[in-house]
Protein backbone atom coordinates (compact mmCIF):
# COMPACT_ATOMS: atom_id res chain seq x y z
CA MET A 1 0.00 0.00 0.00
CA PRO A 2 1.47 3.38 -0.93
CA HIS A 3 1.33 6.80 0.60
CA ALA A 4 -1.68 8.93 1.43
CA HIS A 5 -1.21 12.61 0.57
CA THR A 6 -3.28 13.79 3.54
CA ILE A 7 -1.01 12.30 6.21
CA GLU A 8 2.01 14.34 7.24
CA ALA A 9 5.26 12.45 6.84
CA ASN A 10 7.87 12.31 9.56
CA PRO A 11 10.65 14.89 9.04
CA HIS A 12 13.29 12.32 8.05
CA TRP A 13 11.15 10.75 5.33
CA LEU A 14 12.15 11.12 1.71
CA PRO A 15 10.08 13.70 -0.18
CA LEU A 16 7.35 12.51 -2.52
CA ASN A 17 8.50 11.69 -6.03
CA PRO A 18 6.96 13.55 -8.94
CA ARG A 19 4.47 11.29 -10.71
CA ARG A 20 6.50 11.36 -13.92
CA SER A 21 9.39 9.58 -12.18
CA LEU A 22 7.49 6.30 -12.58
CA GLY A 23 6.28 6.98 -16.10
CA HIS A 24 8.53 4.28 -17.54
CA ILE A 25 6.89 1.57 -15.38
CA PRO A 26 3.85 0.03 -17.11
CA GLY A 27 0.57 0.22 -15.24
CA GLN A 28 -2.62 2.17 -14.68
CA ARG A 29 -3.85 4.92 -12.37
CA GLY A 30 -7.53 3.90 -12.30
CA TRP A 31 -10.30 6.29 -11.36
CA PRO A 32 -9.68 9.91 -10.32
CA VAL A 33 -8.90 10.33 -6.60
CA VAL A 34 -9.50 6.69 -5.57
CA GLY A 35 -7.38 5.06 -8.30
CA ASN A 36 -7.56 1.26 -8.17
CA THR A 37 -8.52 1.12 -4.49
CA PHE A 38 -12.04 -0.28 -4.86
CA GLU A 39 -10.92 -2.92 -7.36
CA VAL A 40 -8.13 -4.01 -5.02
CA LEU A 41 -10.51 -4.18 -2.05
CA LYS A 42 -13.10 -6.17 -3.99
CA ASP A 43 -10.80 -9.02 -5.09
CA PRO A 44 -7.06 -8.35 -4.69
CA LEU A 45 -5.92 -11.67 -6.16
CA ALA A 46 -8.05 -11.22 -9.27
CA PHE A 47 -6.70 -7.67 -9.61
CA GLN A 48 -3.11 -8.92 -9.34
CA ARG A 49 -3.70 -11.57 -11.99
CA LYS A 50 -5.27 -9.06 -14.33
CA MET A 51 -2.37 -6.66 -13.93
CA VAL A 52 0.24 -9.39 -14.42
CA ALA A 53 -1.52 -10.59 -17.56
CA ARG A 54 -1.48 -7.04 -18.92
CA TYR A 55 1.82 -5.65 -17.66
CA GLY A 56 3.93 -8.46 -16.23
CA PRO A 57 5.19 -9.04 -12.65
CA VAL A 58 6.45 -5.46 -12.23
CA TYR A 59 3.80 -2.77 -12.64
CA ARG A 60 2.64 0.62 -11.40
CA SER A 61 -0.63 0.99 -9.52
CA ASN A 62 -2.55 3.73 -7.73
CA SER A 63 -4.42 2.65 -4.60
CA PHE A 64 -4.95 3.83 -1.02
CA GLY A 65 -3.88 7.34 -1.87
CA GLY A 66 -0.94 7.23 -4.28
CA ASP A 67 1.29 5.51 -6.79
CA SER A 68 3.41 2.48 -6.00
CA VAL A 69 5.35 -0.16 -7.89
CA VAL A 70 4.27 -3.74 -7.27
CA LEU A 71 6.94 -6.46 -7.47
CA LEU A 72 5.60 -10.00 -7.66
CA GLY A 73 7.16 -13.40 -7.03
CA ALA A 74 9.52 -15.12 -4.61
CA ASP A 75 12.59 -13.26 -5.93
CA ALA A 76 10.81 -9.96 -5.30
CA ASN A 77 9.90 -11.09 -1.78
CA GLU A 78 13.54 -11.94 -1.11
CA LEU A 79 14.81 -8.62 -2.47
CA VAL A 80 12.40 -6.51 -0.45
CA LEU A 81 11.87 -8.52 2.74
CA PHE A 82 15.33 -9.98 3.28
CA ASP A 83 16.72 -6.60 2.23
CA LYS A 84 20.40 -7.44 2.58
CA ASP A 85 21.37 -3.93 1.48
CA LYS A 86 19.01 -2.19 3.94
CA ASN A 87 17.34 -0.31 1.12
CA PHE A 88 13.64 -0.76 1.95
CA SER A 89 11.99 1.19 4.75
CA SER A 90 9.16 -0.50 6.63
CA GLU A 91 8.44 2.71 8.53
CA GLN A 92 7.96 4.73 5.34
CA GLY A 93 6.05 1.85 3.72
CA TRP A 94 3.54 1.15 6.47
CA GLY A 95 3.67 4.58 8.09
CA PRO A 96 1.37 6.50 5.72
CA VAL A 97 -1.27 3.82 6.20
CA LEU A 98 -0.83 3.22 9.94
CA ASN A 99 0.86 6.28 11.45
CA LEU A 100 -2.34 7.77 12.88
CA LEU A 101 -3.28 4.42 14.43
CA PHE A 102 -0.18 2.38 15.30
CA PRO A 103 2.74 4.85 15.29
CA ARG A 104 6.15 3.59 16.36
CA GLY A 105 4.99 0.00 16.66
CA LEU A 106 7.69 -2.57 15.96
CA MET A 107 6.57 -2.97 12.35
CA LEU A 108 6.93 0.80 11.83
CA MET A 109 10.61 0.91 12.74
CA ASP A 110 13.69 0.54 10.60
CA PHE A 111 17.20 -0.82 10.77
CA GLU A 112 19.12 -0.07 14.01
CA LYS A 113 16.16 1.32 16.00
CA HIS A 114 14.09 -1.68 14.99
CA ARG A 115 16.89 -4.06 15.99
CA GLN A 116 17.26 -2.44 19.42
CA ASP A 117 13.55 -2.44 20.27
CA ARG A 118 13.03 -5.95 18.91
CA LYS A 119 15.87 -7.19 21.12
CA ALA A 120 14.33 -5.52 24.18
CA LEU A 121 10.88 -6.98 23.45
CA SER A 122 12.19 -10.46 22.68
CA VAL A 123 12.48 -11.18 26.42
CA ALA A 124 8.74 -11.86 26.38
CA PHE A 125 9.09 -14.58 23.72
CA LYS A 126 11.77 -16.74 25.37
CA PRO A 127 11.08 -20.41 26.31
CA GLU A 128 10.13 -19.85 29.96
CA PRO A 129 7.51 -17.15 29.24
CA MET A 130 6.21 -19.20 26.30
CA ARG A 131 5.66 -22.18 28.63
CA HIS A 132 3.72 -19.88 30.96
CA TYR A 133 1.59 -18.53 28.09
CA ALA A 134 0.89 -22.09 26.88
CA ALA A 135 -0.60 -23.07 30.24
CA GLU A 136 -2.82 -19.99 30.29
CA LEU A 137 -3.88 -20.44 26.65
CA ASP A 138 -4.64 -24.11 27.28
CA ARG A 139 -6.97 -23.31 30.19
CA GLY A 140 -8.70 -20.46 28.37
CA ILE A 141 -9.21 -22.38 25.12
CA ALA A 142 -10.47 -25.50 26.91
CA ALA A 143 -13.07 -23.49 28.82
CA ALA A 144 -14.29 -21.58 25.76
CA VAL A 145 -14.40 -24.58 23.41
CA ALA A 146 -16.49 -26.55 25.91
CA GLY A 147 -19.23 -23.94 25.50
CA TRP A 148 -19.46 -24.29 21.71
CA GLU A 149 -21.12 -27.70 21.79
CA ASN A 150 -23.73 -28.65 19.21
CA ARG A 151 -25.15 -25.20 18.53
CA PRO A 152 -24.94 -22.94 15.50
CA ILE A 153 -22.12 -20.43 15.83
CA ARG A 154 -20.42 -17.91 13.60
CA PHE A 155 -16.90 -19.15 14.08
CA TYR A 156 -15.17 -15.91 13.15
CA ASP A 157 -17.11 -14.01 15.80
CA ALA A 158 -16.54 -16.72 18.43
CA ILE A 159 -12.81 -16.99 17.81
CA LYS A 160 -12.39 -13.21 17.66
CA LYS A 161 -13.87 -12.88 21.15
CA LEU A 162 -11.78 -15.79 22.41
CA SER A 163 -8.60 -14.39 20.80
CA LEU A 164 -9.13 -11.04 22.49
CA ASP A 165 -9.73 -12.72 25.85
CA LEU A 166 -6.60 -14.83 25.39
CA ALA A 167 -4.57 -11.81 24.34
CA ALA A 168 -5.79 -10.00 27.45
CA GLU A 169 -4.69 -12.91 29.61
CA SER A 170 -1.29 -13.40 27.98
CA PHE A 171 -0.54 -9.82 26.96
CA LEU A 172 -2.15 -7.87 29.79
CA GLY A 173 -2.24 -10.47 32.55
CA VAL A 174 -5.74 -9.52 33.69
CA PRO A 175 -9.27 -10.46 32.68
CA LEU A 176 -10.79 -7.52 30.88
CA GLY A 177 -14.20 -7.76 32.52
CA GLU A 178 -16.58 -4.93 31.67
CA GLU A 179 -14.02 -3.20 29.43
CA ALA A 180 -13.73 -6.20 27.11
CA ASP A 181 -16.34 -5.09 24.59
CA ARG A 182 -14.98 -1.55 24.39
CA ILE A 183 -11.39 -2.72 23.96
CA ASN A 184 -12.46 -5.21 21.30
CA GLN A 185 -14.36 -2.47 19.46
CA ALA A 186 -11.38 -0.11 19.75
CA PHE A 187 -9.04 -2.58 18.06
CA THR A 188 -11.69 -3.27 15.40
CA ASP A 189 -12.06 0.46 14.71
CA GLU A 190 -8.28 0.91 14.44
CA VAL A 191 -7.87 -1.95 11.97
CA ARG A 192 -10.80 -0.88 9.79
CA ALA A 193 -9.49 2.68 9.69
CA SER A 194 -6.16 1.43 8.37
CA VAL A 195 -7.69 0.87 4.91
CA ALA A 196 -10.23 3.68 4.96
CA VAL A 197 -10.51 5.48 1.63
CA VAL A 198 -10.70 8.87 3.43
CA ARG A 199 -7.26 9.11 5.03
CA SER A 200 -7.88 12.16 7.28
CA PRO A 201 -9.76 11.88 10.61
CA LEU A 202 -12.66 14.07 9.51
CA PRO A 203 -15.83 13.98 11.64
CA GLY A 204 -17.97 10.94 10.91
CA THR A 205 -15.25 9.06 9.04
CA MET A 206 -13.84 5.62 9.72
CA MET A 207 -10.43 7.22 10.27
CA ARG A 208 -11.86 9.48 12.99
CA ARG A 209 -13.28 6.44 14.78
CA GLY A 210 -9.89 4.74 14.50
CA VAL A 211 -8.02 7.74 15.93
CA GLU A 212 -10.46 8.00 18.82
CA ALA A 213 -10.07 4.28 19.47
CA ARG A 214 -6.30 4.71 19.68
CA ALA A 215 -6.71 7.56 22.18
CA TYR A 216 -8.84 5.33 24.39
CA LEU A 217 -6.31 2.48 24.28
CA VAL A 218 -3.37 4.81 24.97
CA ASP A 219 -5.14 6.02 28.10
CA TYR A 220 -5.88 2.45 29.16
CA PHE A 221 -2.26 1.32 28.83
CA ARG A 222 -0.83 4.48 30.44
CA ARG A 223 -2.94 3.98 33.58
CA GLU A 224 -1.55 0.48 34.02
CA ILE A 225 2.17 1.08 33.49
CA PRO A 226 3.31 2.28 36.97
CA ALA A 227 2.14 -0.85 38.77
CA ARG A 228 3.57 -3.12 36.08
CA ARG A 229 7.05 -1.61 36.32
CA THR A 230 7.39 -2.78 39.92
CA GLY A 231 5.36 -5.98 39.64
CA THR A 232 6.33 -9.57 38.94
CA GLY A 233 3.78 -10.51 36.28
CA HIS A 234 4.69 -12.91 33.47
CA ASP A 235 2.40 -11.33 30.87
CA PHE A 236 3.81 -9.44 27.87
CA PHE A 237 2.77 -6.03 29.22
CA SER A 238 4.53 -6.55 32.55
CA GLN A 239 7.67 -7.84 30.85
CA PHE A 240 7.75 -4.89 28.46
CA CYS A 241 7.42 -2.54 31.45
CA ARG A 242 10.44 -4.19 33.09
CA ALA A 243 12.47 -4.58 29.87
CA THR A 244 15.65 -2.56 29.38
CA ASP A 245 17.52 -1.44 26.31
CA GLU A 246 21.16 -2.16 25.47
CA ALA A 247 22.25 0.67 27.78
CA GLY A 248 20.29 -0.88 30.66
CA GLN A 249 17.60 1.81 30.57
CA PRO A 250 13.90 0.93 30.84
CA LEU A 251 11.64 1.52 27.86
CA SER A 252 9.71 4.78 28.02
CA ASP A 253 5.99 4.83 28.77
CA ASP A 254 5.31 5.97 25.21
CA ALA A 255 7.37 3.13 23.72
CA ILE A 256 5.56 0.55 25.84
CA ILE A 257 2.18 1.97 24.84
CA ASP A 258 3.02 1.99 21.13
CA HIS A 259 4.34 -1.58 21.19
CA MET A 260 1.38 -2.87 23.22
CA ASN A 261 -1.14 -1.17 20.95
CA PHE A 262 0.42 -2.73 17.87
CA LEU A 263 1.14 -6.19 19.29
CA MET A 264 -2.30 -6.59 20.90
CA MET A 265 -3.88 -5.83 17.53
CA ALA A 266 -1.59 -8.25 15.73
CA ALA A 267 -2.01 -10.92 18.38
CA HIS A 268 -5.75 -11.22 18.11
CA ASP A 269 -6.71 -10.04 14.63
CA THR A 270 -4.24 -12.09 12.62
CA ILE A 271 -4.83 -15.21 14.75
CA THR A 272 -8.58 -14.74 14.37
CA SER A 273 -8.21 -14.69 10.60
CA SER A 274 -5.83 -17.65 10.33
CA ALA A 275 -7.78 -19.81 12.82
CA THR A 276 -10.97 -19.15 10.85
CA SER A 277 -9.43 -20.07 7.50
CA LEU A 278 -7.94 -23.28 8.97
CA VAL A 279 -11.23 -24.39 10.54
CA MET A 280 -13.04 -23.63 7.27
CA LEU A 281 -10.58 -25.73 5.28
CA LEU A 282 -10.82 -28.62 7.76
CA GLY A 283 -14.60 -28.41 7.54
CA ARG A 284 -14.36 -28.69 3.75
CA HIS A 285 -11.80 -31.51 3.84
CA ALA A 286 -13.10 -34.20 6.19
CA GLU A 287 -10.16 -36.50 5.48
CA TRP A 288 -7.73 -33.94 6.88
CA GLN A 289 -9.99 -33.26 9.82
CA GLU A 290 -9.78 -36.98 10.64
CA ARG A 291 -6.00 -37.12 10.22
CA LEU A 292 -5.49 -34.21 12.59
CA ARG A 293 -7.97 -35.67 15.10
CA ALA A 294 -6.05 -38.96 15.10
CA GLU A 295 -2.83 -37.03 15.74
CA VAL A 296 -4.40 -35.17 18.67
CA LEU A 297 -5.78 -38.37 20.19
CA SER A 298 -2.37 -40.01 19.84
CA LEU A 299 -1.10 -37.64 22.53
CA GLY A 300 -2.86 -39.94 24.99
CA ARG A 301 -4.16 -37.13 27.22
CA ASN A 302 -7.48 -37.69 28.99
CA ASP A 303 -7.54 -34.66 31.30
CA ASP A 304 -8.88 -32.12 28.77
CA HIS A 305 -5.54 -30.34 28.63
CA VAL A 306 -2.64 -30.18 26.20
CA GLY A 307 0.82 -29.81 27.66
CA TYR A 308 3.50 -27.49 26.33
CA ASP A 309 5.76 -30.47 25.67
CA ASP A 310 3.01 -32.12 23.61
CA LEU A 311 2.87 -29.36 21.03
CA ASP A 312 5.87 -30.42 18.95
CA ARG A 313 4.19 -33.79 18.41
CA LEU A 314 1.36 -32.12 16.49
CA VAL A 315 3.29 -32.21 13.23
CA LEU A 316 0.37 -32.64 10.81
CA THR A 317 -1.49 -29.87 12.64
CA GLU A 318 1.43 -27.55 11.95
CA TYR A 319 1.47 -28.58 8.27
CA ALA A 320 -2.26 -27.83 8.03
CA PHE A 321 -1.79 -24.45 9.68
CA LYS A 322 0.99 -23.57 7.26
CA GLU A 323 -1.18 -24.61 4.33
CA ALA A 324 -4.05 -22.45 5.59
CA LEU A 325 -1.63 -19.52 5.82
CA ARG A 326 -0.59 -20.22 2.24
CA VAL A 327 -4.18 -20.30 1.01
CA MET A 328 -5.29 -17.24 3.00
CA PRO A 329 -2.37 -15.23 4.43
CA PRO A 330 -3.57 -12.81 7.14
CA VAL A 331 -1.40 -10.01 5.71
CA PRO A 332 -2.02 -10.25 1.94
CA SER A 333 0.48 -7.56 0.90
CA ILE A 334 3.47 -5.82 2.45
CA PRO A 335 4.51 -2.22 1.66
CA ARG A 336 7.98 -0.74 1.77
CA ARG A 337 9.66 2.43 0.47
CA ALA A 338 12.93 2.44 -1.44
CA MET A 339 15.62 4.53 0.25
CA ARG A 340 17.95 4.39 -2.76
CA ASP A 341 17.64 3.70 -6.48
CA PHE A 342 17.45 0.00 -7.34
CA SER A 343 16.73 -2.28 -10.29
CA PHE A 344 14.44 -5.27 -10.58
CA GLY A 345 12.82 -7.17 -13.42
CA GLY A 346 14.50 -5.01 -16.05
CA TYR A 347 13.31 -1.69 -14.59
CA ASP A 348 15.27 1.06 -12.83
CA ILE A 349 13.21 2.26 -9.88
CA PRO A 350 14.09 5.56 -8.18
CA ALA A 351 14.63 6.27 -4.48
CA GLY A 352 11.46 7.36 -2.74
CA THR A 353 9.25 4.89 -4.62
CA PHE A 354 6.58 3.11 -2.62
CA VAL A 355 7.02 -0.60 -3.28
CA GLY A 356 4.64 -3.46 -2.57
CA VAL A 357 5.14 -7.22 -2.54
CA ASN A 358 2.05 -9.41 -2.62
CA VAL A 359 2.12 -12.40 -0.31
CA ALA A 360 -1.20 -13.85 -1.48
CA TYR A 361 -0.15 -13.79 -5.14
CA THR A 362 3.14 -15.58 -4.48
CA HIS A 363 1.32 -18.17 -2.38
CA HIS A 364 -0.78 -19.09 -5.42
CA MET A 365 1.97 -19.21 -8.06
CA ALA A 366 1.89 -22.63 -9.75
CA GLU A 367 5.67 -22.61 -10.25
CA HIS A 368 6.09 -22.86 -6.46
CA TRP A 369 2.80 -24.56 -5.56
CA PRO A 370 1.55 -27.12 -8.12
CA ASP A 371 -2.26 -27.11 -8.27
CA PRO A 372 -2.26 -24.05 -5.98
CA ASP A 373 -6.00 -24.01 -5.27
CA ARG A 374 -5.88 -27.50 -3.73
CA PHE A 375 -5.65 -27.81 0.07
CA ASP A 376 -2.65 -30.06 0.69
CA PRO A 377 -0.84 -29.75 4.04
CA MET A 378 1.75 -32.29 2.91
CA ARG A 379 3.31 -29.54 0.79
CA PHE A 380 5.13 -28.68 4.03
CA ALA A 381 6.55 -32.12 4.76
CA PRO A 382 10.36 -31.85 4.52
CA GLU A 383 10.61 -34.12 1.49
CA ASN A 384 8.09 -31.98 -0.43
CA ALA A 385 9.41 -28.59 0.71
CA ARG A 386 13.00 -29.39 -0.29
CA GLY A 387 14.20 -27.12 -3.08
CA ARG A 388 11.30 -24.66 -2.83
CA HIS A 389 12.30 -20.99 -2.91
CA ARG A 390 12.67 -19.87 0.71
CA PHE A 391 10.61 -16.73 0.00
CA ALA A 392 7.75 -18.54 -1.74
CA TRP A 393 5.94 -18.77 1.64
CA VAL A 394 6.01 -15.55 3.66
CA PRO A 395 2.85 -15.20 5.79
CA PHE A 396 5.01 -13.93 8.67
CA GLY A 397 7.11 -11.65 6.47
CA GLY A 398 10.84 -12.22 6.29
CA GLY A 399 14.27 -10.89 7.12
CA ALA A 400 14.73 -8.56 10.09
CA HIS A 401 10.98 -7.89 10.20
CA MET A 402 9.95 -11.55 10.45
CA CYS A 403 6.94 -11.56 12.82
CA ILE A 404 8.22 -11.61 16.40
CA GLY A 405 5.12 -13.53 17.50
CA LEU A 406 5.15 -16.35 14.95
CA HIS A 407 5.91 -19.06 17.54
CA PHE A 408 3.23 -17.68 19.85
CA ALA A 409 0.71 -17.80 16.99
CA THR A 410 1.65 -21.36 16.03
CA MET A 411 1.38 -22.45 19.66
CA GLN A 412 -2.07 -20.92 20.03
CA ILE A 413 -3.37 -22.52 16.83
CA ARG A 414 -2.05 -25.96 17.81
CA LEU A 415 -3.80 -25.68 21.16
CA LEU A 416 -7.04 -24.50 19.58
CA ILE A 417 -7.18 -27.27 16.98
CA ALA A 418 -6.28 -29.90 19.59
CA HIS A 419 -9.17 -28.86 21.82
CA VAL A 420 -11.68 -28.51 18.99
CA LEU A 421 -10.92 -31.81 17.26
CA ARG A 422 -10.67 -33.81 20.46
CA ARG A 423 -14.27 -32.85 21.26
CA TYR A 424 -16.03 -32.12 17.97
CA ARG A 425 -16.60 -32.80 14.32
CA ILE A 426 -16.64 -29.56 12.31
CA GLU A 427 -19.75 -29.29 10.13
CA LEU A 428 -19.98 -26.22 7.89
CA ASP A 429 -23.29 -24.75 6.81
CA GLU A 430 -23.90 -24.93 3.07
CA GLY A 431 -21.94 -22.16 1.35
CA SER A 432 -20.25 -21.18 4.60
CA GLY A 433 -17.20 -18.98 4.05
CA ALA A 434 -17.78 -18.67 0.31
CA ASP A 435 -17.01 -14.93 0.23
CA TRP A 436 -14.22 -13.21 2.13
CA ALA A 437 -13.30 -9.57 2.64
CA ILE A 438 -9.52 -9.52 2.23
CA PHE A 439 -8.54 -6.11 3.63
CA PRO A 440 -7.46 -5.01 6.14
CA ILE A 441 -7.21 -8.59 7.46
CA PRO A 442 -9.10 -11.44 5.76
CA ARG A 443 -12.47 -12.39 7.25
CA PRO A 444 -15.48 -14.34 5.94
CA LYS A 445 -18.35 -11.96 5.21
CA ASP A 446 -20.84 -14.44 6.67
CA GLY A 447 -18.78 -15.04 9.83
CA LEU A 448 -18.32 -18.74 8.87
CA PRO A 449 -21.50 -20.32 10.28
CA LEU A 450 -20.94 -23.89 11.42
CA LYS A 451 -21.84 -26.48 14.02
CA LEU A 452 -19.46 -28.36 16.28
CA VAL A 453 -20.93 -31.83 16.79
CA PRO A 454 -19.69 -33.82 19.85
CA MET A 455 -17.65 -36.90 18.96
CA SER A 456 -19.25 -39.04 21.67
């Protein structure tokens, strides 16, 4: 996603390029003002395929407020995400879209500052805290899943509520109680505002609701920080409050707030999306549902819990999760901004250009994924993955900005699937999940109605 003219850039950002600087790149500008935005929102994969058929895997597009150059394929992913020459700014790529909502979050940092803050935050993702989170997630998931028995539910809505409650437990260390609904709505408003066509927080706009939601969350986090700095909690928030930088100094209140605001959003919205797509695919493919259930039962547990040390035995479950992320990545495209001139695909692209790589497109390229529309978790078995381009599968990004929470997400999904399949058979309603909204984070428009039928 490129820049939005109405959002003020940070002082160190490169100035906007004149439009003619990209005139040699083939492409289209679309409608006046909105460009290609509505076409991208309606069906991004179809739009990508149309543009590739017309212009090739490097093309110019105008969406979400300005011109960008889209680079498609695994080689493009490696160039931009691995970024060995430190040429592509994540801050200046995501910033124009997210600066009013998630400023200075880890994803909106570059190079040395990003490295320093990521190192400070990584204390919360070490083995001992992860074991603690696993026990809390296990209890919370078991209790929630038990209440889903044999009644129609909209799975997306149910898992979104559960994901927020779990994020509150693991990230905040407290049950949210009466504030749960307002916090959930605040995160929803922030995420929706991130792809609003009107990019200024004018009264009555989606962006205004998003900015107000951020203000509420900032106040919530700020009230909690003093007690967390001197406490002994194991949750992410408490650990961030006690974390120190390389000079031994604690993170500032503002830094903690910005990181919590971003990570809480990422922790529950992306997991909600990926859990929903996996459950949908298992509901459509009964044979894989049975294979994963057999794997879960092979753990031999009869106490309605899954231990942290059991998780690595759920190998097929991990393959299925990876395949669901291939089919429906929760972050369909990743923006960056070129800091220096570079060349790719036969084109010279100037410094200051907004650049996008498309995860969803690469995940459906037949050259990497034979019969790409088929659900086949065994693509990720070692013997089948051998020789595949390492940037053909990038649902968690890549390089220095590889998602810091990827192991937490995988752990939570393994626990969820173990509890669901141990108890239930997934039965989708007819046509359930047939139509998805892809931006800002994929979700089924119907909420994925289904029934969980007890196995005994």
